[in-house]
Protein backbone atom coordinates (compact mmCIF):
# COMPACT_ATOMS: atom_id res chain seq x y z
CA UNK A 1 160.50 166.37 120.67
CA UNK A 2 162.16 164.09 117.94
CA UNK A 3 165.73 164.82 118.25
CA UNK A 4 166.61 163.04 114.79
CA UNK A 5 164.79 166.21 113.24
CA UNK A 6 167.29 168.73 114.57
CA UNK A 7 169.26 170.88 112.17
CA UNK A 8 172.68 172.27 113.53
CA UNK A 9 172.76 175.98 112.90
CA UNK A 10 176.08 176.82 114.77
CA UNK A 11 178.44 176.26 117.67
CA UNK A 12 179.55 177.83 120.78
CA UNK A 13 183.14 178.42 120.55
CA UNK A 14 184.22 180.33 123.84
CA UNK A 15 182.86 182.14 126.79
CA UNK A 16 182.88 185.95 126.66
CA UNK A 17 183.57 187.95 129.71
CA UNK A 18 182.61 186.94 133.15
CA UNK A 19 178.74 187.06 133.52
CA UNK A 20 177.97 183.77 131.42
CA UNK A 21 177.81 185.23 127.81
CA UNK A 22 179.24 182.90 125.15
CA UNK A 23 180.62 183.33 121.61
CA UNK A 24 178.58 181.65 119.03
CA UNK A 25 179.75 180.81 115.53
CA UNK A 26 176.42 180.51 113.20
CA UNK A 27 176.36 178.22 110.12
CA UNK A 28 173.59 180.40 108.92
CA UNK A 29 173.26 182.39 105.54
CA UNK A 30 173.27 185.62 107.44
CA UNK A 31 175.04 186.35 110.75
CA UNK A 32 172.01 187.13 112.72
CA UNK A 33 170.01 184.44 111.13
CA UNK A 34 170.17 182.30 114.15
CA UNK A 35 168.73 185.10 116.14
CA UNK A 36 165.39 184.30 114.32
CA UNK A 37 164.85 181.43 116.98
CA UNK A 38 164.62 182.45 120.69
CA UNK A 39 164.63 178.76 121.80
CA UNK A 40 167.54 176.75 120.92
CA UNK A 41 168.76 173.07 121.57
CA UNK A 42 172.60 172.83 122.50
CA UNK A 43 174.52 169.80 122.93
CA UNK A 44 175.65 166.93 120.29
CA UNK A 45 173.43 164.53 118.81
CA UNK A 46 171.39 162.78 120.36
CA UNK A 47 171.74 164.46 123.35
CA UNK A 48 170.16 168.01 123.14
CA UNK A 49 168.77 170.23 125.70
CA UNK A 50 166.42 173.09 125.33
CA UNK A 51 167.83 176.56 126.10
CA UNK A 52 166.44 180.06 125.91
CA UNK A 53 168.27 183.04 124.59
CA UNK A 54 167.93 185.75 127.00
CA UNK A 55 170.08 188.34 125.04
CA UNK A 56 172.04 188.65 121.91
CA UNK A 57 174.61 191.04 120.21
CA UNK A 58 176.35 190.94 116.98
CA UNK A 59 180.26 191.35 117.34
CA UNK A 60 182.44 191.46 114.25
CA UNK A 61 181.78 188.08 112.80
CA UNK A 62 180.41 186.00 115.93
CA UNK A 63 177.17 186.42 118.04
CA UNK A 64 177.60 187.38 121.67
CA UNK A 65 174.76 185.33 123.48
CA UNK A 66 173.40 185.20 127.12
CA UNK A 67 171.44 182.24 127.91
CA UNK A 68 169.08 181.81 130.56
CA UNK A 69 170.53 180.15 133.56
CA UNK A 70 174.19 180.89 132.33
CA UNK A 71 175.35 183.14 135.14
CA UNK A 72 179.25 182.89 135.22
CA UNK A 73 182.28 182.15 133.00
CA UNK A 74 182.74 178.76 134.56
CA UNK A 75 179.28 177.65 133.27
CA UNK A 76 179.87 179.55 129.81
CA UNK A 77 183.08 177.62 129.48
CA UNK A 78 181.53 174.24 129.93
CA UNK A 79 179.29 174.84 126.94
CA UNK A 80 182.36 175.37 124.61
CA UNK A 81 182.11 173.30 121.65
CA UNK A 82 178.48 172.37 121.87
CA UNK A 83 176.24 172.66 119.04
CA UNK A 84 173.38 174.92 118.42
CA UNK A 85 170.44 173.39 116.81
CA UNK A 86 166.70 174.09 115.88
CA UNK A 87 163.95 171.52 114.99
CA UNK A 88 163.61 171.07 111.19
CA UNK A 89 160.01 171.92 111.56
CA UNK A 90 160.83 175.32 112.75
CA UNK A 91 162.80 176.21 109.36
CA UNK A 92 161.29 177.79 106.45
CA UNK A 93 160.88 175.51 103.37
CA UNK A 94 163.63 175.72 101.00
CA UNK A 95 163.28 176.88 97.18
CA UNK A 96 163.70 174.43 94.28
CA UNK A 97 167.62 174.03 94.23
CA UNK A 98 168.23 175.21 97.72
CA UNK A 99 169.53 173.11 100.33
CA UNK A 100 170.39 173.23 104.03
CA UNK A 101 173.87 172.32 104.36
CA UNK A 102 173.23 169.64 107.07
CA UNK A 103 170.92 167.93 104.45
CA UNK A 104 174.13 167.79 102.25
CA UNK A 105 176.49 166.09 104.88
CA UNK A 106 176.63 162.41 104.36
CA UNK A 107 175.26 162.22 100.55
CA UNK A 108 177.27 160.19 98.25
CA UNK A 109 178.95 162.04 95.50
CA UNK A 110 179.58 160.48 91.88
CA UNK A 111 181.19 162.36 88.94
CA UNK A 112 179.60 162.35 85.40
CA UNK A 113 182.09 159.62 84.20
CA UNK A 114 180.80 157.33 87.02
CA UNK A 115 183.75 157.53 89.53
CA UNK A 116 182.77 157.55 93.20
CA UNK A 117 184.37 160.16 95.19
CA UNK A 118 182.91 159.51 98.61
CA UNK A 119 180.88 161.55 100.90
CA UNK A 120 180.36 165.26 101.77
CA UNK A 121 181.65 165.68 105.17
CA UNK A 122 181.38 169.41 105.21
CA UNK A 123 180.04 172.50 103.62
CA UNK A 124 181.86 176.04 103.67
CA UNK A 125 181.27 179.40 102.26
CA UNK A 126 184.10 181.20 100.27
CA UNK A 127 182.28 184.35 99.41
CA UNK A 128 182.22 183.42 95.79
CA UNK A 129 180.34 180.27 96.29
CA UNK A 130 179.88 177.33 98.85
CA UNK A 131 182.39 174.52 98.63
CA UNK A 132 181.63 170.70 99.26
CA UNK A 133 184.33 168.92 101.07
CA UNK A 134 184.05 165.21 99.61
CA UNK A 135 186.06 162.62 101.51
CA UNK A 136 186.71 159.20 99.99
CA UNK A 137 185.29 156.31 101.92
CA UNK A 138 188.43 153.86 101.38
CA UNK A 139 191.57 155.09 102.97
CA UNK A 140 194.93 155.05 101.03
CA UNK A 141 198.06 153.76 102.86
CA UNK A 142 201.11 156.04 102.44
CA UNK A 143 204.46 155.40 103.36
CA UNK A 144 206.29 158.51 104.93
CA UNK A 145 210.02 159.48 104.82
CA UNK A 146 210.26 157.99 108.29
CA UNK A 147 209.24 154.62 106.86
CA UNK A 148 205.99 154.61 108.88
CA UNK A 149 202.95 153.77 107.13
CA UNK A 150 200.06 156.48 107.55
CA UNK A 151 196.46 155.88 106.49
CA UNK A 152 195.14 158.86 104.59
CA UNK A 153 191.80 159.92 103.03
CA UNK A 154 191.70 161.75 99.96
CA UNK A 155 189.66 164.89 100.06
CA UNK A 156 188.18 166.73 97.18
CA UNK A 157 187.08 170.54 97.32
CA UNK A 158 184.27 171.07 94.89
CA UNK A 159 182.40 174.29 94.16
CA UNK A 160 178.85 174.15 94.91
CA UNK A 161 177.64 175.85 91.77
CA UNK A 162 175.18 174.62 89.31
CA UNK A 163 177.88 174.16 86.68
CA UNK A 164 179.99 171.76 88.96
CA UNK A 165 176.97 170.38 90.73
CA UNK A 166 174.18 169.57 88.19
CA UNK A 167 172.12 167.11 90.36
CA UNK A 168 171.37 166.62 94.20
CA UNK A 169 168.87 164.10 95.18
CA UNK A 170 168.35 164.32 98.72
CA UNK A 171 165.82 161.31 98.90
CA UNK A 172 168.30 159.21 97.03
CA UNK A 173 171.28 160.33 99.04
CA UNK A 174 173.25 161.19 96.04
CA UNK A 175 175.06 164.04 94.35
CA UNK A 176 176.11 164.03 90.74
CA UNK A 177 179.17 166.11 90.06
CA UNK A 178 180.73 167.34 86.75
CA UNK A 179 184.35 167.39 88.20
CA UNK A 180 187.48 165.63 87.05
CA UNK A 181 188.52 162.65 89.20
CA UNK A 182 192.20 163.75 89.10
CA UNK A 183 191.27 167.09 90.73
């Protein structure tokens, strides 16, 4: 298994109960989208290990998952913070103009005036549309009221709409945005 082709689809956030269940927050379009895969890989790149989903339930805005071999709360607690991934080849092909969020992370963003904004660090959903979190690569030194100098990175939140993001080139690793540099 080539672990560089894994796509992170969620994360384990906490144990649930005393019998080894875990709470999972999926990063999928639909809450139950991660349940389309009965084999997951958990860990953090490049250290993945394959696990099997024994049982699953939807509970409010999380998934409750029982993994094979996880029989008590202590083992479940040890999984807290682990990412859940599936091999890229197990995912359906995207349509024109659709992207997996994991493909957007790390792309360089420039606006239509040629101003480099930095790289995409995160994508999140607001309900109305997805939002790109773009972080400058060069920090700014800021002197605080206490006289201490802090290093800060400017972040921009850009709606991931066709108007604000007219071009995404996954192969080139770039995103063109129609967004004012002062925002």
